[in-house]
Structure formats: C-alpha cells, structure tokens
N, C-alpha and C. Protein backbone atom coordinates (compact mmCIF):
# COMPACT_ATOMS: atom_id res chain seq x y z
N MET A 1 0.85 -1.17 0.00
CA MET A 1 0.00 0.00 0.00
C MET A 1 0.89 1.24 0.00
N GLU A 2 0.50 2.22 -0.75
CA GLU A 2 1.27 3.44 -0.90
C GLU A 2 0.96 4.39 0.26
N ALA A 3 1.97 5.10 0.75
CA ALA A 3 1.79 6.06 1.83
C ALA A 3 0.96 7.23 1.34
N PRO A 4 0.11 7.81 2.22
CA PRO A 4 -0.69 8.96 1.80
C PRO A 4 0.22 10.13 1.49
N PRO A 5 -0.18 10.98 0.52
CA PRO A 5 0.67 12.11 0.15
C PRO A 5 0.75 13.12 1.29
N THR A 6 1.86 13.84 1.34
CA THR A 6 2.02 14.91 2.31
C THR A 6 1.07 16.03 1.91
N PRO A 7 0.35 16.64 2.89
CA PRO A 7 -0.58 17.71 2.53
C PRO A 7 0.13 18.82 1.78
N ALA A 8 -0.57 19.41 0.81
CA ALA A 8 -0.01 20.44 -0.04
C ALA A 8 0.35 21.70 0.74
N VAL A 9 -0.23 21.89 1.90
CA VAL A 9 0.01 23.09 2.69
C VAL A 9 1.44 23.12 3.21
N LEU A 10 2.05 21.97 3.45
CA LEU A 10 3.38 21.93 4.01
C LEU A 10 4.43 22.22 2.95
N PRO A 11 5.37 23.13 3.21
CA PRO A 11 6.47 23.33 2.28
C PRO A 11 7.27 22.04 2.14
N GLN A 12 7.98 21.90 1.03
CA GLN A 12 8.72 20.68 0.76
C GLN A 12 9.79 20.39 1.80
N HIS A 13 10.31 21.40 2.47
CA HIS A 13 11.40 21.19 3.40
C HIS A 13 10.92 20.74 4.78
N PHE A 14 9.65 20.49 4.94
CA PHE A 14 9.13 19.94 6.18
C PHE A 14 8.73 18.50 5.93
N ARG A 15 8.95 17.68 6.91
CA ARG A 15 8.50 16.30 6.83
C ARG A 15 7.68 16.01 8.08
N ILE A 16 6.84 15.03 7.99
CA ILE A 16 6.04 14.64 9.13
C ILE A 16 6.79 13.51 9.83
N SER A 17 7.06 13.70 11.12
CA SER A 17 7.70 12.63 11.88
C SER A 17 6.75 12.16 12.96
N GLN A 18 6.93 10.93 13.37
CA GLN A 18 6.04 10.34 14.35
C GLN A 18 6.85 9.83 15.52
N HIS A 19 6.34 10.07 16.72
CA HIS A 19 7.01 9.63 17.93
C HIS A 19 6.10 8.68 18.68
N HIS A 20 6.72 7.72 19.37
CA HIS A 20 5.93 6.77 20.14
C HIS A 20 5.23 7.49 21.28
N ASN A 21 3.99 7.15 21.49
CA ASN A 21 3.20 7.69 22.58
C ASN A 21 2.31 6.57 23.08
N PRO A 22 2.36 6.21 24.36
CA PRO A 22 1.59 5.08 24.83
C PRO A 22 0.09 5.31 24.86
N ARG A 23 -0.37 6.55 24.67
CA ARG A 23 -1.80 6.81 24.68
C ARG A 23 -2.45 6.27 23.41
N PRO A 24 -3.69 5.80 23.50
CA PRO A 24 -4.33 5.17 22.34
C PRO A 24 -4.93 6.14 21.35
N TYR A 25 -4.58 7.41 21.39
CA TYR A 25 -5.11 8.35 20.42
C TYR A 25 -3.97 9.12 19.79
N GLY A 26 -4.28 9.83 18.77
CA GLY A 26 -3.27 10.62 18.08
C GLY A 26 -3.29 10.27 16.61
N GLY A 27 -2.61 11.03 15.83
CA GLY A 27 -2.68 10.83 14.40
C GLY A 27 -1.47 10.15 13.81
N GLY A 28 -0.48 9.84 14.60
CA GLY A 28 0.74 9.27 14.07
C GLY A 28 0.77 7.76 14.08
N LYS A 29 1.88 7.23 13.64
CA LYS A 29 2.09 5.79 13.60
C LYS A 29 1.96 5.22 15.00
N ASP A 30 1.30 4.13 15.14
CA ASP A 30 1.09 3.46 16.42
C ASP A 30 0.40 4.37 17.43
N GLY A 31 -0.42 5.29 16.98
CA GLY A 31 -1.17 6.15 17.88
C GLY A 31 -0.39 7.33 18.41
N GLY A 32 0.86 7.50 18.00
CA GLY A 32 1.67 8.61 18.48
C GLY A 32 1.29 9.91 17.80
N PRO A 33 1.67 11.03 18.40
CA PRO A 33 1.33 12.31 17.79
C PRO A 33 2.13 12.56 16.53
N VAL A 34 1.57 13.34 15.65
CA VAL A 34 2.27 13.72 14.43
C VAL A 34 2.94 15.06 14.71
N GLU A 35 4.19 15.17 14.30
CA GLU A 35 4.95 16.37 14.60
C GLU A 35 5.69 16.82 13.35
N LEU A 36 5.78 18.13 13.16
CA LEU A 36 6.54 18.65 12.03
C LEU A 36 8.00 18.75 12.43
N ALA A 37 8.88 18.32 11.55
CA ALA A 37 10.31 18.43 11.80
C ALA A 37 10.96 19.01 10.55
N LYS A 38 11.88 19.93 10.74
CA LYS A 38 12.54 20.57 9.61
C LYS A 38 13.71 19.70 9.15
N GLU A 39 13.76 19.45 7.84
CA GLU A 39 14.85 18.68 7.27
C GLU A 39 16.03 19.61 7.00
N PRO A 40 17.24 19.09 7.06
CA PRO A 40 18.41 19.95 6.79
C PRO A 40 18.42 20.45 5.36
N SER A 41 18.97 21.62 5.16
CA SER A 41 19.04 22.26 3.85
C SER A 41 20.48 22.31 3.37
N HIS A 42 20.68 22.54 2.07
CA HIS A 42 22.02 22.51 1.53
C HIS A 42 22.53 23.85 1.03
N SER A 43 21.72 24.87 0.95
CA SER A 43 22.22 26.15 0.44
C SER A 43 21.67 27.29 1.26
N ASP A 44 22.40 28.41 1.25
CA ASP A 44 21.97 29.59 1.99
C ASP A 44 20.66 30.15 1.44
N ASP A 45 20.49 30.13 0.10
CA ASP A 45 19.23 30.60 -0.50
C ASP A 45 18.06 29.77 0.02
N ASN A 46 18.28 28.48 0.06
CA ASN A 46 17.22 27.61 0.58
C ASN A 46 16.93 27.91 2.04
N ASN A 47 17.98 28.22 2.83
CA ASN A 47 17.77 28.55 4.24
C ASN A 47 16.88 29.77 4.40
N VAL A 48 17.11 30.79 3.60
CA VAL A 48 16.29 32.00 3.66
C VAL A 48 14.85 31.67 3.28
N LYS A 49 14.68 30.92 2.19
CA LYS A 49 13.33 30.53 1.75
C LYS A 49 12.66 29.67 2.81
N GLU A 50 13.42 28.72 3.39
CA GLU A 50 12.86 27.85 4.42
C GLU A 50 12.46 28.63 5.65
N ASP A 51 13.29 29.60 6.07
CA ASP A 51 12.95 30.42 7.22
C ASP A 51 11.66 31.19 6.96
N ARG A 52 11.53 31.74 5.75
CA ARG A 52 10.33 32.50 5.40
C ARG A 52 9.12 31.57 5.38
N CYS A 53 9.25 30.39 4.75
CA CYS A 53 8.15 29.42 4.70
C CYS A 53 7.82 28.91 6.09
N GLY A 54 8.86 28.67 6.90
CA GLY A 54 8.65 28.21 8.27
C GLY A 54 7.90 29.25 9.09
N ALA A 55 8.27 30.52 8.91
CA ALA A 55 7.59 31.59 9.63
C ALA A 55 6.13 31.70 9.19
N GLU A 56 5.90 31.53 7.87
CA GLU A 56 4.52 31.58 7.37
C GLU A 56 3.71 30.41 7.92
N LEU A 57 4.31 29.22 7.97
CA LEU A 57 3.62 28.05 8.51
C LEU A 57 3.31 28.25 9.99
N ARG A 58 4.30 28.77 10.76
CA ARG A 58 4.06 29.04 12.19
C ARG A 58 2.94 30.06 12.36
N ALA A 59 2.90 31.08 11.51
CA ALA A 59 1.86 32.09 11.60
C ALA A 59 0.49 31.47 11.31
N GLN A 60 0.42 30.58 10.31
CA GLN A 60 -0.84 29.91 10.00
C GLN A 60 -1.27 29.01 11.15
N LEU A 61 -0.32 28.28 11.73
CA LEU A 61 -0.65 27.41 12.86
C LEU A 61 -1.08 28.22 14.07
N ASP A 62 -0.38 29.34 14.34
CA ASP A 62 -0.75 30.20 15.46
C ASP A 62 -2.16 30.76 15.26
N CYS A 63 -2.46 31.18 14.04
CA CYS A 63 -3.78 31.71 13.73
C CYS A 63 -4.85 30.64 13.93
N ASN A 64 -4.57 29.42 13.46
CA ASN A 64 -5.52 28.32 13.61
C ASN A 64 -5.71 27.98 15.09
N LEU A 65 -4.62 27.95 15.84
CA LEU A 65 -4.71 27.65 17.27
C LEU A 65 -5.50 28.72 18.00
N THR A 66 -5.25 29.97 17.66
CA THR A 66 -6.00 31.07 18.27
C THR A 66 -7.49 30.95 17.94
N SER A 67 -7.79 30.64 16.70
CA SER A 67 -9.18 30.47 16.28
C SER A 67 -9.83 29.31 17.03
N LEU A 68 -9.11 28.21 17.19
CA LEU A 68 -9.63 27.06 17.93
C LEU A 68 -9.90 27.42 19.38
N CYS A 69 -8.94 28.09 20.01
CA CYS A 69 -9.12 28.50 21.41
C CYS A 69 -10.31 29.45 21.57
N ASP A 70 -10.44 30.39 20.66
CA ASP A 70 -11.58 31.31 20.70
C ASP A 70 -12.89 30.55 20.55
N HIS A 71 -12.93 29.59 19.64
CA HIS A 71 -14.13 28.80 19.40
C HIS A 71 -14.50 27.97 20.64
N ILE A 72 -13.50 27.32 21.24
CA ILE A 72 -13.75 26.52 22.44
C ILE A 72 -14.26 27.40 23.57
N GLN A 73 -13.66 28.57 23.73
CA GLN A 73 -14.08 29.49 24.79
C GLN A 73 -15.51 29.99 24.55
N LEU A 74 -15.78 30.47 23.34
CA LEU A 74 -17.09 31.04 23.04
C LEU A 74 -18.19 29.98 23.00
N GLU A 75 -18.00 28.98 22.17
CA GLU A 75 -19.05 27.97 21.99
C GLU A 75 -19.11 26.97 23.14
N GLY A 76 -17.94 26.55 23.60
CA GLY A 76 -17.90 25.53 24.65
C GLY A 76 -18.24 26.07 26.02
N PHE A 77 -17.48 27.07 26.47
CA PHE A 77 -17.69 27.58 27.83
C PHE A 77 -18.83 28.59 27.90
N ASN A 78 -18.77 29.63 27.09
CA ASN A 78 -19.79 30.68 27.19
C ASN A 78 -21.19 30.21 26.80
N ASN A 79 -21.30 29.43 25.71
CA ASN A 79 -22.61 29.00 25.22
C ASN A 79 -22.99 27.59 25.64
N GLY A 80 -22.04 26.79 26.09
CA GLY A 80 -22.34 25.42 26.49
C GLY A 80 -22.74 24.51 25.33
N SER A 81 -22.35 24.87 24.12
CA SER A 81 -22.72 24.07 22.95
C SER A 81 -22.16 22.66 23.08
N PHE A 82 -23.00 21.68 22.75
CA PHE A 82 -22.63 20.26 22.76
C PHE A 82 -22.16 19.78 24.14
N SER A 83 -22.66 20.40 25.18
CA SER A 83 -22.31 20.03 26.55
C SER A 83 -22.69 18.59 26.83
N ASP A 84 -21.85 17.90 27.60
CA ASP A 84 -22.19 16.53 27.99
C ASP A 84 -22.26 16.36 29.51
N VAL A 85 -22.13 17.46 30.25
CA VAL A 85 -22.27 17.40 31.70
C VAL A 85 -22.67 18.80 32.21
N VAL A 86 -23.48 18.82 33.24
CA VAL A 86 -23.88 20.07 33.89
C VAL A 86 -23.19 20.10 35.24
N VAL A 87 -22.54 21.22 35.53
CA VAL A 87 -21.84 21.38 36.80
C VAL A 87 -22.52 22.48 37.60
N HIS A 88 -22.91 22.14 38.82
CA HIS A 88 -23.46 23.12 39.76
C HIS A 88 -22.34 23.46 40.73
N ALA A 89 -22.01 24.74 40.81
CA ALA A 89 -20.93 25.17 41.70
C ALA A 89 -21.15 26.60 42.16
N MET A 90 -21.06 26.81 43.43
CA MET A 90 -21.12 28.15 44.03
C MET A 90 -22.36 28.93 43.58
N GLY A 91 -23.49 28.26 43.46
CA GLY A 91 -24.74 28.91 43.09
C GLY A 91 -24.93 29.13 41.60
N SER A 92 -24.02 28.65 40.79
CA SER A 92 -24.14 28.81 39.33
C SER A 92 -24.23 27.45 38.66
N VAL A 93 -24.78 27.47 37.44
CA VAL A 93 -24.91 26.25 36.65
C VAL A 93 -24.10 26.44 35.38
N TYR A 94 -23.26 25.44 35.08
CA TYR A 94 -22.38 25.49 33.91
C TYR A 94 -22.66 24.27 33.05
N HIS A 95 -22.85 24.48 31.76
CA HIS A 95 -23.02 23.39 30.79
C HIS A 95 -21.64 23.17 30.15
N LEU A 96 -20.97 22.10 30.59
CA LEU A 96 -19.57 21.91 30.26
C LEU A 96 -19.32 20.59 29.53
N HIS A 97 -18.06 20.25 29.39
CA HIS A 97 -17.64 19.11 28.58
C HIS A 97 -16.63 18.27 29.35
N ARG A 98 -16.91 16.99 29.49
CA ARG A 98 -16.04 16.10 30.26
C ARG A 98 -14.59 16.12 29.75
N LEU A 99 -14.43 16.13 28.45
CA LEU A 99 -13.09 16.15 27.88
C LEU A 99 -12.30 17.37 28.36
N ILE A 100 -12.93 18.53 28.35
CA ILE A 100 -12.26 19.75 28.79
C ILE A 100 -12.03 19.71 30.29
N LEU A 101 -13.01 19.26 31.04
CA LEU A 101 -12.86 19.18 32.49
C LEU A 101 -11.71 18.26 32.89
N SER A 102 -11.42 17.27 32.06
CA SER A 102 -10.36 16.31 32.39
C SER A 102 -8.98 16.94 32.40
N ARG A 103 -8.86 18.18 31.99
CA ARG A 103 -7.59 18.90 32.13
C ARG A 103 -7.24 19.08 33.61
N SER A 104 -8.26 19.04 34.46
CA SER A 104 -8.07 19.14 35.91
C SER A 104 -8.03 17.73 36.47
N SER A 105 -7.00 17.40 37.25
CA SER A 105 -6.93 16.06 37.82
C SER A 105 -8.08 15.82 38.80
N TYR A 106 -8.61 16.87 39.41
CA TYR A 106 -9.78 16.74 40.28
C TYR A 106 -10.95 16.15 39.49
N PHE A 107 -11.25 16.75 38.35
CA PHE A 107 -12.35 16.25 37.52
C PHE A 107 -11.98 14.93 36.86
N ARG A 108 -10.75 14.78 36.40
CA ARG A 108 -10.34 13.54 35.75
C ARG A 108 -10.57 12.36 36.68
N ASN A 109 -10.15 12.50 37.94
CA ASN A 109 -10.35 11.42 38.91
C ASN A 109 -11.82 11.19 39.20
N MET A 110 -12.60 12.25 39.23
CA MET A 110 -14.04 12.13 39.49
C MET A 110 -14.75 11.44 38.34
N LEU A 111 -14.30 11.67 37.11
CA LEU A 111 -15.02 11.21 35.93
C LEU A 111 -14.53 9.88 35.37
N GLN A 112 -13.65 9.22 36.08
CA GLN A 112 -13.23 7.88 35.65
C GLN A 112 -13.15 6.98 36.88
N GLY A 113 -13.24 5.71 36.66
CA GLY A 113 -13.15 4.77 37.77
C GLY A 113 -14.51 4.37 38.30
N PRO A 114 -14.57 3.94 39.54
CA PRO A 114 -15.80 3.35 40.09
C PRO A 114 -16.79 4.37 40.66
N TRP A 115 -16.62 5.64 40.40
CA TRP A 115 -17.44 6.66 41.02
C TRP A 115 -18.77 6.85 40.30
N LYS A 116 -19.78 7.27 41.04
CA LYS A 116 -21.10 7.49 40.44
C LYS A 116 -21.08 8.65 39.44
N GLU A 117 -20.13 9.58 39.59
CA GLU A 117 -20.04 10.74 38.70
C GLU A 117 -19.63 10.37 37.28
N VAL A 118 -19.08 9.18 37.10
CA VAL A 118 -18.61 8.77 35.78
C VAL A 118 -19.71 8.92 34.73
N SER A 119 -20.91 8.53 35.08
CA SER A 119 -22.01 8.61 34.12
C SER A 119 -23.08 9.60 34.53
N ALA A 120 -22.88 10.33 35.60
CA ALA A 120 -23.88 11.29 36.07
C ALA A 120 -23.99 12.47 35.10
N PRO A 121 -25.21 12.85 34.75
CA PRO A 121 -25.38 14.01 33.86
C PRO A 121 -25.16 15.34 34.57
N VAL A 122 -25.24 15.33 35.91
CA VAL A 122 -25.08 16.56 36.69
C VAL A 122 -24.05 16.30 37.80
N LEU A 123 -23.11 17.22 37.92
CA LEU A 123 -22.12 17.16 39.00
C LEU A 123 -22.34 18.38 39.90
N THR A 124 -22.37 18.14 41.18
CA THR A 124 -22.51 19.24 42.13
C THR A 124 -21.23 19.33 42.94
N LEU A 125 -20.57 20.48 42.86
CA LEU A 125 -19.34 20.69 43.61
C LEU A 125 -19.66 21.32 44.96
N HIS A 126 -19.18 20.71 46.01
CA HIS A 126 -19.33 21.24 47.36
C HIS A 126 -17.97 21.73 47.81
N VAL A 127 -17.82 23.04 47.79
CA VAL A 127 -16.54 23.65 48.15
C VAL A 127 -16.66 24.20 49.56
N ASP A 128 -15.85 23.65 50.46
CA ASP A 128 -15.94 24.08 51.86
C ASP A 128 -14.84 25.07 52.24
N ASP A 129 -14.29 25.75 51.25
CA ASP A 129 -13.25 26.74 51.48
C ASP A 129 -13.88 28.12 51.35
N ASN A 130 -13.89 28.88 52.45
CA ASN A 130 -14.50 30.21 52.45
C ASN A 130 -13.76 31.20 51.55
N ASN A 131 -12.57 30.85 51.12
CA ASN A 131 -11.81 31.72 50.23
C ASN A 131 -12.30 31.63 48.78
N VAL A 132 -13.06 30.60 48.46
CA VAL A 132 -13.55 30.39 47.10
C VAL A 132 -14.93 31.04 46.98
N ASP A 133 -15.10 31.84 45.93
CA ASP A 133 -16.42 32.42 45.65
C ASP A 133 -16.82 32.10 44.20
N GLY A 134 -18.01 32.50 43.83
CA GLY A 134 -18.54 32.20 42.50
C GLY A 134 -17.72 32.79 41.37
N ASP A 135 -17.24 34.01 41.55
CA ASP A 135 -16.43 34.63 40.51
C ASP A 135 -15.12 33.87 40.29
N ALA A 136 -14.49 33.45 41.38
CA ALA A 136 -13.24 32.70 41.27
C ALA A 136 -13.49 31.34 40.61
N MET A 137 -14.61 30.70 40.93
CA MET A 137 -14.94 29.42 40.31
C MET A 137 -15.13 29.60 38.81
N ALA A 138 -15.84 30.65 38.40
CA ALA A 138 -16.06 30.90 36.98
C ALA A 138 -14.73 31.13 36.26
N ILE A 139 -13.83 31.87 36.88
CA ILE A 139 -12.52 32.13 36.28
C ILE A 139 -11.74 30.83 36.12
N ALA A 140 -11.77 29.98 37.15
CA ALA A 140 -11.03 28.71 37.09
C ALA A 140 -11.61 27.78 36.04
N LEU A 141 -12.92 27.69 35.94
CA LEU A 141 -13.54 26.84 34.92
C LEU A 141 -13.25 27.37 33.52
N ALA A 142 -13.28 28.69 33.36
CA ALA A 142 -12.96 29.30 32.05
C ALA A 142 -11.51 29.01 31.69
N TYR A 143 -10.63 28.96 32.68
CA TYR A 143 -9.22 28.65 32.43
C TYR A 143 -9.09 27.27 31.77
N LEU A 144 -9.90 26.31 32.20
CA LEU A 144 -9.86 24.97 31.59
C LEU A 144 -10.19 25.03 30.11
N TYR A 145 -10.96 26.02 29.71
CA TYR A 145 -11.36 26.20 28.31
C TYR A 145 -10.41 27.11 27.54
N GLY A 146 -9.28 27.46 28.14
CA GLY A 146 -8.27 28.22 27.43
C GLY A 146 -8.23 29.70 27.75
N HIS A 147 -9.13 30.18 28.60
CA HIS A 147 -9.11 31.60 28.96
C HIS A 147 -7.98 31.86 29.95
N HIS A 148 -7.24 32.93 29.73
CA HIS A 148 -6.18 33.31 30.66
C HIS A 148 -6.66 34.50 31.46
N PRO A 149 -6.97 34.26 32.73
CA PRO A 149 -7.59 35.31 33.55
C PRO A 149 -6.64 36.44 33.89
N LYS A 150 -7.22 37.58 34.11
CA LYS A 150 -6.47 38.73 34.60
C LYS A 150 -6.58 38.70 36.12
N LEU A 151 -5.47 38.41 36.78
CA LEU A 151 -5.47 38.38 38.23
C LEU A 151 -5.01 39.72 38.75
N ASP A 152 -5.65 40.15 39.83
CA ASP A 152 -5.26 41.39 40.48
C ASP A 152 -5.40 41.20 41.98
N GLU A 153 -5.20 42.26 42.73
CA GLU A 153 -5.25 42.17 44.19
C GLU A 153 -6.61 41.72 44.70
N SER A 154 -7.66 42.01 43.96
CA SER A 154 -9.00 41.68 44.45
C SER A 154 -9.41 40.23 44.22
N ASN A 155 -8.78 39.54 43.25
CA ASN A 155 -9.24 38.18 42.95
C ASN A 155 -8.16 37.10 43.00
N ALA A 156 -6.91 37.48 43.04
CA ALA A 156 -5.82 36.50 42.93
C ALA A 156 -5.90 35.42 44.01
N PHE A 157 -6.10 35.79 45.24
CA PHE A 157 -6.14 34.82 46.33
C PHE A 157 -7.29 33.84 46.16
N ARG A 158 -8.45 34.35 45.78
CA ARG A 158 -9.63 33.48 45.60
C ARG A 158 -9.46 32.54 44.39
N VAL A 159 -8.90 33.05 43.31
CA VAL A 159 -8.67 32.22 42.13
C VAL A 159 -7.64 31.14 42.45
N LEU A 160 -6.60 31.49 43.17
CA LEU A 160 -5.61 30.48 43.55
C LEU A 160 -6.21 29.44 44.48
N ALA A 161 -7.14 29.85 45.34
CA ALA A 161 -7.79 28.89 46.24
C ALA A 161 -8.62 27.88 45.45
N VAL A 162 -9.37 28.34 44.46
CA VAL A 162 -10.17 27.41 43.65
C VAL A 162 -9.27 26.59 42.74
N ALA A 163 -8.18 27.17 42.25
CA ALA A 163 -7.24 26.41 41.43
C ALA A 163 -6.63 25.28 42.25
N SER A 164 -6.36 25.54 43.49
CA SER A 164 -5.85 24.50 44.38
C SER A 164 -6.92 23.43 44.62
N PHE A 165 -8.15 23.85 44.86
CA PHE A 165 -9.26 22.91 45.08
C PHE A 165 -9.44 22.00 43.87
N LEU A 166 -9.40 22.57 42.66
CA LEU A 166 -9.60 21.80 41.43
C LEU A 166 -8.31 21.14 40.94
N ASP A 167 -7.21 21.37 41.64
CA ASP A 167 -5.91 20.82 41.28
C ASP A 167 -5.54 21.18 39.84
N LEU A 168 -5.65 22.46 39.52
CA LEU A 168 -5.29 22.94 38.19
C LEU A 168 -3.79 23.06 38.08
N GLN A 169 -3.25 22.58 36.97
CA GLN A 169 -1.82 22.66 36.72
C GLN A 169 -1.59 23.88 35.83
N VAL A 170 -0.87 24.84 36.35
CA VAL A 170 -0.59 26.06 35.61
C VAL A 170 0.89 26.06 35.25
N SER A 171 1.18 26.10 33.94
CA SER A 171 2.57 26.13 33.51
C SER A 171 3.12 27.53 33.65
N SER A 172 4.44 27.63 33.73
CA SER A 172 5.07 28.94 33.88
C SER A 172 4.79 29.83 32.69
N ALA A 173 4.50 29.25 31.51
CA ALA A 173 4.20 30.06 30.33
C ALA A 173 2.85 30.74 30.47
N ASN A 174 1.99 30.26 31.36
CA ASN A 174 0.66 30.83 31.52
C ASN A 174 0.58 31.84 32.65
N ARG A 175 1.66 32.08 33.32
CA ARG A 175 1.62 32.98 34.48
C ARG A 175 1.77 34.40 34.07
C-alpha cells in the first residue's frame, strides 16, 4: 500500500515525523502524535526561503490555534454548545464538557473509575473553602477552556484557592 501524500500546505522542506506515545489516540504511527520536523538544507538561499516558509507556517498554525481557542471558549464555555455534563458550583450552573474538564486532575479522577459521577449528567461541587467564591470558580472553569484570567489584588487569592481545590496545573508560560 502506498503512503498517503504529504498535505499540499506543508512546504517541501518539512517532513512529518512520528514519535511513540503510549496513549491510544493521536494521528501518528502506532497512535503517536504527528509532529513537524525541519529537514536539513544545503544552500543559503534555501535557508532563507525555508525560514520564510517556516515563519509563514508558524503564523498559519498560530492563527488556527487562536481560532480554535476562541471557538472553544465562546461555543464551549460561554454558550455550552454540545455540553455533555452540567456542573453546579457556588450557586451557578455550567453546561460543560467532560473532555475539557479532564484537564483538571480533580475532575479527571471524578469522571473515571468506580465513582457514580462517571455517568452522572449533573455534577454538584461542594466547596468548603471560604476563600472560594462564584467569581473565582467561573474564572477557574474558564481557564480549563483556554481563557487566561487577569489576576489582580481583588481576585488572585480566591482564584488560587479554587485552582488548588480543582488541582489545576498552571505552567510557567501561563503565568
């Protein structure tokens, strides 16, 4: 069987490489993720052209990623489109998505295994920390959908309290 052609969008100096990944999903060989890797070039003219094409490709990917994040935020979090779980928290109701919630180990553990929440259509969060309020909960849930909150003196402590409760992992690039 012949290998599928490389998409026309990729410049010729890029190749698709595949890395082993033990997870059962992904687009690469054996379920691993597909990754772009730059092949070595042989001339300075080609290097300039490759840098320009690489920059254009990065710009297209950045634009697509931004568009995806905006779509997930607007349609997924703000509108609750295609929601598969309802979350009641701090007096508010959120129509959310298990896949997105699984970014939090708190939700991931709740939504897998022998727990009743695995198939429950409604999850009710009981937060017994007086430092957590409804606004902080909304900010933390929006963060799972890709929103980067603006923290200030009035909300930082409360947002950090709910982030701790939900066991949110914040990378240094997001701070």
